[in-house]
Amino acid sequence: MQIKLFDTNDIENKLKTRPLYEGCFDEGKNDFIDYYYDRIIRRNQIVVAEEEGKILSMIHLNPYFYNICGEVHRVHYLVAIATSKEYRNRGLMSKIMNFSIEYLKSLQEPFCYIVPECKEYEIMYGKYGFSSVCKFTLDKFSKDKYDIFPDDNPEYRELMNMEQYFLDLESEDYKSELSKKMVLFRILNENVMMSIEELRKKSIYVCQEV
């Protein structure tokens, strides 16, 4: 078993993660999955546990630029965190999560973040140094004043337009559950980033679903 990082331009290998994605997320949402594997993987990186060419476990590292109290930094949103059912409870997630965190630290990024599905996952990610900081927001184009928020560049605007399109197709129950989710942060570079306690005092805008 090997831990590998599929880089931004390694589309061929990143496409190999699609069966695992389809088996774990967005069942029946083929249009969204097509969009994700056509558009999103062209800009991200994927960390995998692989054995004999089979993807056993994965974490997608999706990049955004954030304005952090007046300074713009690239940060990563960790999504599509999954392990194939027959390989769960073997420590694969710990291996690829620890690899991902050390990799992002090496990039000197201030933080990374996760939006877990439920409280159980919040507790699980706490083992890797993630802490609940703020609520997820449904508004993709907020004009409110925040201390920390995505940089409103053309790529971000394009991505949020597509996310809004898919969000509009969802049920009210789905939107209600999404609005209850917490955003977990992991401080990566204390020389750039404040502590979790200080971060919780800031107004933070996170609205990316992927």
Protein backbone atom coordinates (compact mmCIF):
# COMPACT_ATOMS: atom_id res chain seq x y z
CA MET A 1 0.00 0.00 0.00
CA GLN A 2 1.31 3.46 -0.97
CA ILE A 3 0.32 7.01 -0.07
CA LYS A 4 0.37 9.19 -3.20
CA LEU A 5 -0.37 12.80 -4.09
CA PHE A 6 -2.05 13.22 -7.47
CA ASP A 7 -1.05 16.72 -8.54
CA THR A 8 -3.18 19.32 -10.30
CA ASN A 9 -2.37 18.26 -13.85
CA ASP A 10 -2.51 14.51 -13.17
CA ILE A 11 -6.06 14.17 -14.49
CA GLU A 12 -5.64 10.54 -15.57
CA ASN A 13 -4.89 9.32 -12.06
CA LYS A 14 -7.40 11.63 -10.39
CA LEU A 15 -10.17 10.17 -12.56
CA LYS A 16 -9.41 6.80 -10.94
CA THR A 17 -10.92 8.16 -7.70
CA ARG A 18 -14.35 8.61 -9.26
CA PRO A 19 -15.67 5.10 -8.41
CA LEU A 20 -14.87 5.68 -4.73
CA TYR A 21 -16.53 9.11 -4.88
CA GLU A 22 -19.65 7.66 -6.51
CA GLY A 23 -19.80 4.90 -3.92
CA CYS A 24 -19.64 7.29 -0.96
CA PHE A 25 -21.18 10.64 -1.98
CA ASP A 26 -24.02 12.31 -3.90
CA GLU A 27 -25.90 9.15 -4.83
CA GLY A 28 -28.11 9.79 -7.84
CA LYS A 29 -26.61 13.24 -8.49
CA ASN A 30 -24.89 12.28 -11.71
CA ASP A 31 -24.93 15.79 -13.16
CA PHE A 32 -23.10 17.15 -10.14
CA ILE A 33 -20.56 14.32 -10.16
CA ASP A 34 -19.93 14.92 -13.87
CA TYR A 35 -19.37 18.60 -13.11
CA TYR A 36 -17.05 17.81 -10.19
CA TYR A 37 -14.91 15.43 -12.24
CA ASP A 38 -14.86 17.72 -15.24
CA ARG A 39 -14.21 21.06 -13.50
CA ILE A 40 -13.15 20.71 -9.88
CA ILE A 41 -10.48 18.03 -10.26
CA ARG A 42 -8.76 20.22 -12.84
CA ARG A 43 -7.87 22.64 -10.05
CA ASN A 44 -7.32 20.41 -7.02
CA GLN A 45 -4.94 17.75 -5.71
CA ILE A 46 -5.92 14.37 -4.31
CA VAL A 47 -4.12 12.34 -1.65
CA VAL A 48 -4.81 8.62 -1.89
CA ALA A 49 -3.94 5.29 -0.33
CA GLU A 50 -3.42 3.01 -3.30
CA GLU A 51 -2.68 -0.69 -3.64
CA GLU A 52 -1.98 -2.38 -6.97
CA GLY A 53 -3.66 0.46 -8.81
CA LYS A 54 -6.82 0.41 -6.67
CA ILE A 55 -7.83 3.54 -4.75
CA LEU A 56 -8.56 2.49 -1.17
CA SER A 57 -8.90 5.87 0.53
CA MET A 58 -8.75 9.54 -0.51
CA ILE A 59 -8.83 13.20 0.50
CA HIS A 60 -9.39 15.96 -2.06
CA LEU A 61 -7.44 19.16 -1.43
CA ASN A 62 -9.54 21.93 -3.01
CA PRO A 63 -7.79 25.34 -3.13
CA TYR A 64 -9.28 28.77 -2.50
CA PHE A 65 -7.84 32.19 -1.84
CA TYR A 66 -9.02 33.77 1.43
CA ASN A 67 -8.81 37.33 2.62
CA ILE A 68 -7.65 36.99 6.23
CA CYS A 69 -8.01 40.29 8.03
CA GLY A 70 -6.80 42.19 4.96
CA GLU A 71 -4.18 39.75 3.64
CA VAL A 72 -4.92 37.23 0.88
CA HIS A 73 -3.61 33.67 1.34
CA ARG A 74 -4.23 30.40 -0.46
CA VAL A 75 -5.86 27.79 1.76
CA HIS A 76 -7.30 24.33 1.18
CA TYR A 77 -10.73 22.89 1.84
CA LEU A 78 -10.53 19.13 2.51
CA VAL A 79 -13.46 17.35 0.86
CA ALA A 80 -14.51 13.94 -0.44
CA ILE A 81 -12.79 12.24 2.50
CA ALA A 82 -13.56 8.56 2.05
CA THR A 83 -12.37 4.99 2.43
CA SER A 84 -13.73 2.04 0.50
CA LYS A 85 -16.06 0.00 2.74
CA GLU A 86 -13.97 -3.16 2.70
CA TYR A 87 -10.85 -1.26 3.78
CA ARG A 88 -12.26 0.76 6.67
CA ASN A 89 -10.95 0.48 10.24
CA ARG A 90 -7.43 -0.30 9.02
CA GLY A 91 -5.86 3.07 9.76
CA LEU A 92 -5.82 4.28 6.14
CA MET A 93 -7.62 7.52 6.93
CA SER A 94 -5.07 8.40 9.61
CA LYS A 95 -2.25 7.84 7.15
CA ILE A 96 -3.64 10.02 4.37
CA MET A 97 -4.91 12.70 6.76
CA ASN A 98 -1.54 13.02 8.47
CA PHE A 99 0.16 13.07 5.05
CA SER A 100 -2.22 15.81 3.85
CA ILE A 101 -1.66 17.99 6.91
CA GLU A 102 2.11 17.71 6.68
CA TYR A 103 1.98 18.51 2.97
CA LEU A 104 -0.16 21.62 3.52
CA LYS A 105 2.14 22.71 6.35
CA SER A 106 5.06 22.53 3.92
CA LEU A 107 3.25 25.03 1.68
CA GLN A 108 3.24 27.54 4.56
CA GLU A 109 -0.53 27.98 4.32
CA PRO A 110 -2.22 29.49 7.40
CA PHE A 111 -4.99 26.92 7.84
CA CYS A 112 -7.10 24.23 6.19
CA TYR A 113 -10.74 23.44 6.88
CA ILE A 114 -13.41 20.75 6.72
CA VAL A 115 -17.22 20.81 6.81
CA PRO A 116 -18.14 17.43 8.36
CA GLU A 117 -21.44 15.69 7.78
CA CYS A 118 -22.34 15.24 11.43
CA LYS A 119 -21.25 15.63 15.06
CA GLU A 120 -19.64 12.19 15.03
CA TYR A 121 -17.27 13.31 12.29
CA GLU A 122 -16.53 16.56 14.14
CA ILE A 123 -15.23 14.45 17.00
CA MET A 124 -13.25 12.22 14.66
CA TYR A 125 -11.52 15.14 12.93
CA GLY A 126 -10.67 16.57 16.33
CA LYS A 127 -8.11 13.78 16.57
CA TYR A 128 -6.22 15.46 13.73
CA GLY A 129 -6.21 18.90 15.31
CA PHE A 130 -9.40 20.30 13.74
CA SER A 131 -11.66 22.50 15.87
CA SER A 132 -15.20 23.81 15.32
CA VAL A 133 -15.05 27.55 14.62
CA CYS A 134 -18.09 28.83 12.70
CA LYS A 135 -21.28 27.87 10.89
CA PHE A 136 -21.51 27.11 7.19
CA THR A 137 -23.56 29.66 5.22
CA LEU A 138 -25.81 29.03 2.22
CA ASP A 139 -25.36 32.50 0.73
CA LYS A 140 -22.73 32.17 -2.00
CA PHE A 141 -22.47 35.90 -2.66
CA SER A 142 -22.75 37.61 0.72
CA LYS A 143 -22.14 41.35 0.87
CA ASP A 144 -21.86 41.35 4.65
CA LYS A 145 -18.67 42.48 6.38
CA TYR A 146 -16.45 39.63 7.51
CA ASP A 147 -12.95 39.40 8.95
CA ILE A 148 -12.16 36.22 7.00
CA PHE A 149 -13.79 35.44 3.65
CA PRO A 150 -13.06 33.99 0.18
CA ASP A 151 -11.34 36.36 -2.20
CA ASP A 152 -13.93 37.39 -4.79
CA ASN A 153 -11.91 36.68 -7.93
CA PRO A 154 -13.31 35.54 -11.32
CA GLU A 155 -12.64 31.84 -10.66
CA TYR A 156 -14.39 32.02 -7.30
CA ARG A 157 -17.37 33.77 -8.90
CA GLU A 158 -17.60 31.06 -11.58
CA LEU A 159 -17.43 28.26 -9.01
CA MET A 160 -20.06 29.87 -6.76
CA ASN A 161 -22.42 30.37 -9.70
CA MET A 162 -22.25 26.63 -10.38
CA GLU A 163 -22.66 25.78 -6.70
CA GLN A 164 -25.71 28.04 -6.52
CA TYR A 165 -27.14 26.29 -9.59
CA PHE A 166 -26.84 22.88 -7.94
CA LEU A 167 -28.01 24.19 -4.56
CA ASP A 168 -31.20 25.52 -6.18
CA LEU A 169 -31.99 21.95 -7.27
CA GLU A 170 -31.88 20.67 -3.70
CA SER A 171 -34.79 20.23 -1.30
CA GLU A 172 -35.51 22.61 1.55
CA ASP A 173 -34.63 19.80 3.99
CA TYR A 174 -31.19 19.48 2.40
CA LYS A 175 -30.62 23.24 2.64
CA SER A 176 -31.77 23.27 6.25
CA GLU A 177 -29.32 20.52 7.21
CA LEU A 178 -26.51 22.22 5.29
CA SER A 179 -27.05 25.48 7.17
CA LYS A 180 -26.59 23.65 10.50
CA LYS A 181 -23.14 22.31 9.65
CA MET A 182 -20.06 23.52 11.47
CA VAL A 183 -16.79 24.49 9.79
CA LEU A 184 -13.69 22.95 11.39
CA PHE A 185 -10.32 24.65 11.09
CA ARG A 186 -6.82 23.26 11.50
CA ILE A 187 -4.11 25.87 12.12
CA LEU A 188 -1.08 25.04 9.96
CA ASN A 189 1.20 28.04 10.34
CA GLU A 190 1.13 29.85 13.68
CA ASN A 191 3.47 32.53 12.34
CA VAL A 192 0.73 33.65 9.94
CA MET A 193 -2.45 32.50 11.64
CA MET A 194 -3.97 33.37 14.99
CA SER A 195 -4.93 30.72 17.54
CA ILE A 196 -8.22 28.83 17.37
CA GLU A 197 -9.48 30.83 20.35
CA GLU A 198 -8.73 34.11 18.56
CA LEU A 199 -10.18 32.75 15.33
CA ARG A 200 -13.50 32.03 17.02
CA LYS A 201 -13.79 35.74 17.86
CA LYS A 202 -13.65 36.70 14.17
CA SER A 203 -16.55 36.84 11.73
CA ILE A 204 -15.89 34.13 9.14
CA TYR A 205 -17.64 33.45 5.85
CA VAL A 206 -17.42 29.89 4.49
CA CYS A 207 -19.89 28.82 1.81
CA GLN A 208 -18.05 26.37 -0.48
CA GLU A 209 -19.73 22.99 -0.76
CA VAL A 210 -16.80 21.44 -2.64
